[in-house]
Amino acid sequence: MSIPIADLQMSAVAASVTESPKTWNPVVVAGALRKVVNGLFDPYRPELHYMRGPGPRWREKHAFDGAANPRG
């Protein structure tokens, strides 16, 4: 007696759909929920604090001839 592969695949899918849900581990659920909440409401946004240094407008405003060294 041979069972077609398509029937085996369908029975595996049907078993996974009709199978009763396993019990949830509260520690795992709490950890996952904490990650989601922290990700949504995290006040730290490094892109708002990232600076590369003075730009071309600052250099134009603070330009000097280079004769005097401002750092000594």
N, C-alpha and C. Protein backbone atom coordinates (compact mmCIF):
# COMPACT_ATOMS: atom_id res chain seq x y z
N MET A 1 0.84 -1.17 0.00
CA MET A 1 0.00 0.00 0.00
C MET A 1 0.89 1.24 0.00
N SER A 2 0.72 2.11 -0.97
CA SER A 2 1.51 3.33 -1.03
C SER A 2 0.58 4.53 -0.94
N ILE A 3 1.04 5.55 -0.20
CA ILE A 3 0.26 6.76 -0.02
C ILE A 3 0.92 7.86 -0.86
N PRO A 4 0.15 8.53 -1.69
CA PRO A 4 0.73 9.61 -2.50
C PRO A 4 1.32 10.71 -1.63
N ILE A 5 2.41 11.32 -2.13
CA ILE A 5 3.11 12.36 -1.37
C ILE A 5 2.18 13.56 -1.11
N ALA A 6 1.36 13.91 -2.07
CA ALA A 6 0.45 15.05 -1.88
C ALA A 6 -0.48 14.82 -0.69
N ASP A 7 -0.94 13.57 -0.52
CA ASP A 7 -1.80 13.26 0.62
C ASP A 7 -1.05 13.40 1.94
N LEU A 8 0.24 13.00 1.95
CA LEU A 8 1.04 13.12 3.16
C LEU A 8 1.25 14.60 3.52
N GLN A 9 1.53 15.41 2.52
CA GLN A 9 1.76 16.84 2.78
C GLN A 9 0.48 17.50 3.28
N MET A 10 -0.65 17.16 2.68
CA MET A 10 -1.91 17.75 3.11
C MET A 10 -2.26 17.32 4.53
N SER A 11 -1.97 16.07 4.87
CA SER A 11 -2.30 15.62 6.21
C SER A 11 -1.41 16.31 7.24
N ALA A 12 -0.16 16.62 6.89
CA ALA A 12 0.72 17.33 7.81
C ALA A 12 0.24 18.76 8.02
N VAL A 13 -0.21 19.40 6.95
CA VAL A 13 -0.75 20.76 7.06
C VAL A 13 -2.03 20.76 7.88
N ALA A 14 -2.90 19.82 7.60
CA ALA A 14 -4.16 19.74 8.32
C ALA A 14 -3.91 19.47 9.80
N ALA A 15 -2.93 18.63 10.11
CA ALA A 15 -2.63 18.34 11.51
C ALA A 15 -2.10 19.58 12.22
N SER A 16 -1.28 20.38 11.54
CA SER A 16 -0.73 21.56 12.19
C SER A 16 -1.80 22.64 12.39
N VAL A 17 -2.79 22.68 11.51
CA VAL A 17 -3.86 23.67 11.64
C VAL A 17 -4.85 23.26 12.72
N THR A 18 -5.17 22.00 12.77
CA THR A 18 -6.19 21.55 13.71
C THR A 18 -5.62 21.20 15.08
N GLU A 19 -4.31 21.19 15.21
CA GLU A 19 -3.68 20.84 16.49
C GLU A 19 -3.99 21.93 17.51
N SER A 20 -4.28 21.51 18.74
CA SER A 20 -4.58 22.50 19.78
C SER A 20 -3.31 23.27 20.12
N PRO A 21 -3.43 24.56 20.43
CA PRO A 21 -2.25 25.37 20.71
C PRO A 21 -1.54 24.90 21.97
N LYS A 22 -0.24 25.01 21.95
CA LYS A 22 0.57 24.63 23.11
C LYS A 22 0.43 25.73 24.16
N THR A 23 0.76 25.41 25.38
CA THR A 23 0.70 26.42 26.43
C THR A 23 1.83 27.42 26.21
N TRP A 24 1.55 28.68 26.49
CA TRP A 24 2.53 29.74 26.31
C TRP A 24 3.36 29.89 27.58
N ASN A 25 4.63 30.01 27.42
CA ASN A 25 5.52 30.26 28.55
C ASN A 25 5.41 31.75 28.90
N PRO A 26 4.95 32.10 30.09
CA PRO A 26 4.76 33.52 30.42
C PRO A 26 6.04 34.33 30.38
N VAL A 27 7.17 33.72 30.69
CA VAL A 27 8.45 34.44 30.66
C VAL A 27 8.80 34.82 29.23
N VAL A 28 8.58 33.90 28.30
CA VAL A 28 8.87 34.16 26.89
C VAL A 28 7.92 35.22 26.34
N VAL A 29 6.66 35.11 26.68
CA VAL A 29 5.67 36.09 26.21
C VAL A 29 5.99 37.47 26.77
N ALA A 30 6.33 37.55 28.06
CA ALA A 30 6.65 38.84 28.67
C ALA A 30 7.90 39.44 28.03
N GLY A 31 8.90 38.62 27.74
CA GLY A 31 10.11 39.12 27.10
C GLY A 31 9.84 39.65 25.71
N ALA A 32 9.03 38.93 24.94
CA ALA A 32 8.69 39.38 23.58
C ALA A 32 7.88 40.67 23.63
N LEU A 33 6.94 40.75 24.56
CA LEU A 33 6.12 41.95 24.70
C LEU A 33 6.98 43.15 25.12
N ARG A 34 7.93 42.92 26.00
CA ARG A 34 8.82 43.99 26.45
C ARG A 34 9.66 44.52 25.28
N LYS A 35 10.14 43.61 24.42
CA LYS A 35 10.92 44.04 23.26
C LYS A 35 10.09 44.90 22.31
N VAL A 36 8.85 44.49 22.10
CA VAL A 36 7.97 45.25 21.20
C VAL A 36 7.70 46.63 21.77
N VAL A 37 7.35 46.70 23.05
CA VAL A 37 7.03 47.98 23.68
C VAL A 37 8.25 48.88 23.69
N ASN A 38 9.42 48.34 24.05
CA ASN A 38 10.63 49.16 24.07
C ASN A 38 11.00 49.63 22.67
N GLY A 39 10.77 48.81 21.69
CA GLY A 39 11.07 49.21 20.32
C GLY A 39 10.16 50.31 19.82
N LEU A 40 8.91 50.29 20.25
CA LEU A 40 7.96 51.31 19.80
C LEU A 40 8.13 52.63 20.54
N PHE A 41 8.49 52.57 21.80
CA PHE A 41 8.52 53.77 22.63
C PHE A 41 9.92 54.11 23.14
N ASP A 42 10.95 53.72 22.42
CA ASP A 42 12.33 53.99 22.84
C ASP A 42 12.64 55.46 22.60
N PRO A 43 12.97 56.23 23.64
CA PRO A 43 13.23 57.66 23.45
C PRO A 43 14.60 57.95 22.83
N TYR A 44 15.51 57.00 22.84
CA TYR A 44 16.86 57.24 22.30
C TYR A 44 16.84 57.12 20.79
N ARG A 45 17.18 58.19 20.11
CA ARG A 45 17.25 58.20 18.65
C ARG A 45 18.61 58.76 18.26
N PRO A 46 19.60 57.91 18.03
CA PRO A 46 20.96 58.40 17.79
C PRO A 46 21.07 59.28 16.55
N GLU A 47 20.21 59.09 15.57
CA GLU A 47 20.33 59.92 14.37
C GLU A 47 20.04 61.39 14.66
N LEU A 48 19.34 61.68 15.75
CA LEU A 48 19.07 63.06 16.11
C LEU A 48 20.28 63.72 16.79
N HIS A 49 21.22 62.93 17.29
CA HIS A 49 22.35 63.46 18.03
C HIS A 49 23.67 63.32 17.27
N TYR A 50 23.63 62.78 16.11
CA TYR A 50 24.85 62.51 15.36
C TYR A 50 25.31 63.79 14.66
N MET A 51 26.56 64.17 14.92
CA MET A 51 27.12 65.35 14.26
C MET A 51 28.47 64.98 13.66
N ARG A 52 28.71 65.44 12.45
CA ARG A 52 29.98 65.14 11.78
C ARG A 52 30.98 66.27 11.91
N GLY A 53 30.57 67.39 12.42
CA GLY A 53 31.48 68.53 12.53
C GLY A 53 30.91 69.72 11.78
N PRO A 54 31.66 70.81 11.78
CA PRO A 54 31.17 72.02 11.13
C PRO A 54 31.01 71.83 9.63
N GLY A 55 29.99 72.44 9.10
CA GLY A 55 29.72 72.35 7.67
C GLY A 55 30.26 73.54 6.91
N PRO A 56 29.96 73.62 5.64
CA PRO A 56 30.50 74.70 4.81
C PRO A 56 29.99 76.09 5.21
N ARG A 57 28.76 76.19 5.70
CA ARG A 57 28.25 77.50 6.12
C ARG A 57 29.01 78.00 7.35
N TRP A 58 29.33 77.10 8.28
CA TRP A 58 30.09 77.50 9.46
C TRP A 58 31.49 77.96 9.04
N ARG A 59 32.11 77.25 8.11
CA ARG A 59 33.46 77.61 7.65
C ARG A 59 33.45 78.98 6.97
N GLU A 60 32.40 79.28 6.20
CA GLU A 60 32.30 80.60 5.56
C GLU A 60 32.19 81.70 6.63
N LYS A 61 31.38 81.46 7.63
CA LYS A 61 31.14 82.47 8.66
C LYS A 61 32.38 82.69 9.52
N HIS A 62 33.13 81.62 9.80
CA HIS A 62 34.27 81.69 10.70
C HIS A 62 35.60 81.63 9.94
N ALA A 63 35.59 82.03 8.72
CA ALA A 63 36.82 81.96 7.91
C ALA A 63 37.86 82.94 8.44
N PHE A 64 39.12 82.53 8.37
CA PHE A 64 40.23 83.41 8.70
C PHE A 64 41.33 83.17 7.67
N ASP A 65 42.26 84.07 7.61
CA ASP A 65 43.28 84.00 6.55
C ASP A 65 44.33 82.93 6.78
N GLY A 66 44.42 82.40 7.95
CA GLY A 66 45.36 81.34 8.25
C GLY A 66 46.70 81.85 8.72
N ALA A 67 46.89 83.19 8.79
CA ALA A 67 48.16 83.76 9.25
C ALA A 67 48.35 83.50 10.75
N ALA A 68 47.29 83.64 11.50
CA ALA A 68 47.37 83.43 12.93
C ALA A 68 46.79 82.06 13.26
N ASN A 69 47.49 81.30 14.09
CA ASN A 69 47.01 79.99 14.49
C ASN A 69 46.13 80.19 15.72
N PRO A 70 44.83 79.94 15.64
CA PRO A 70 43.94 80.20 16.77
C PRO A 70 44.18 79.28 17.96
N ARG A 71 44.90 78.20 17.75
CA ARG A 71 45.14 77.26 18.88
C ARG A 71 46.50 77.46 19.53
N GLY A 72 47.21 78.47 19.15
CA GLY A 72 48.46 78.76 19.84
C GLY A 72 49.59 78.48 19.00
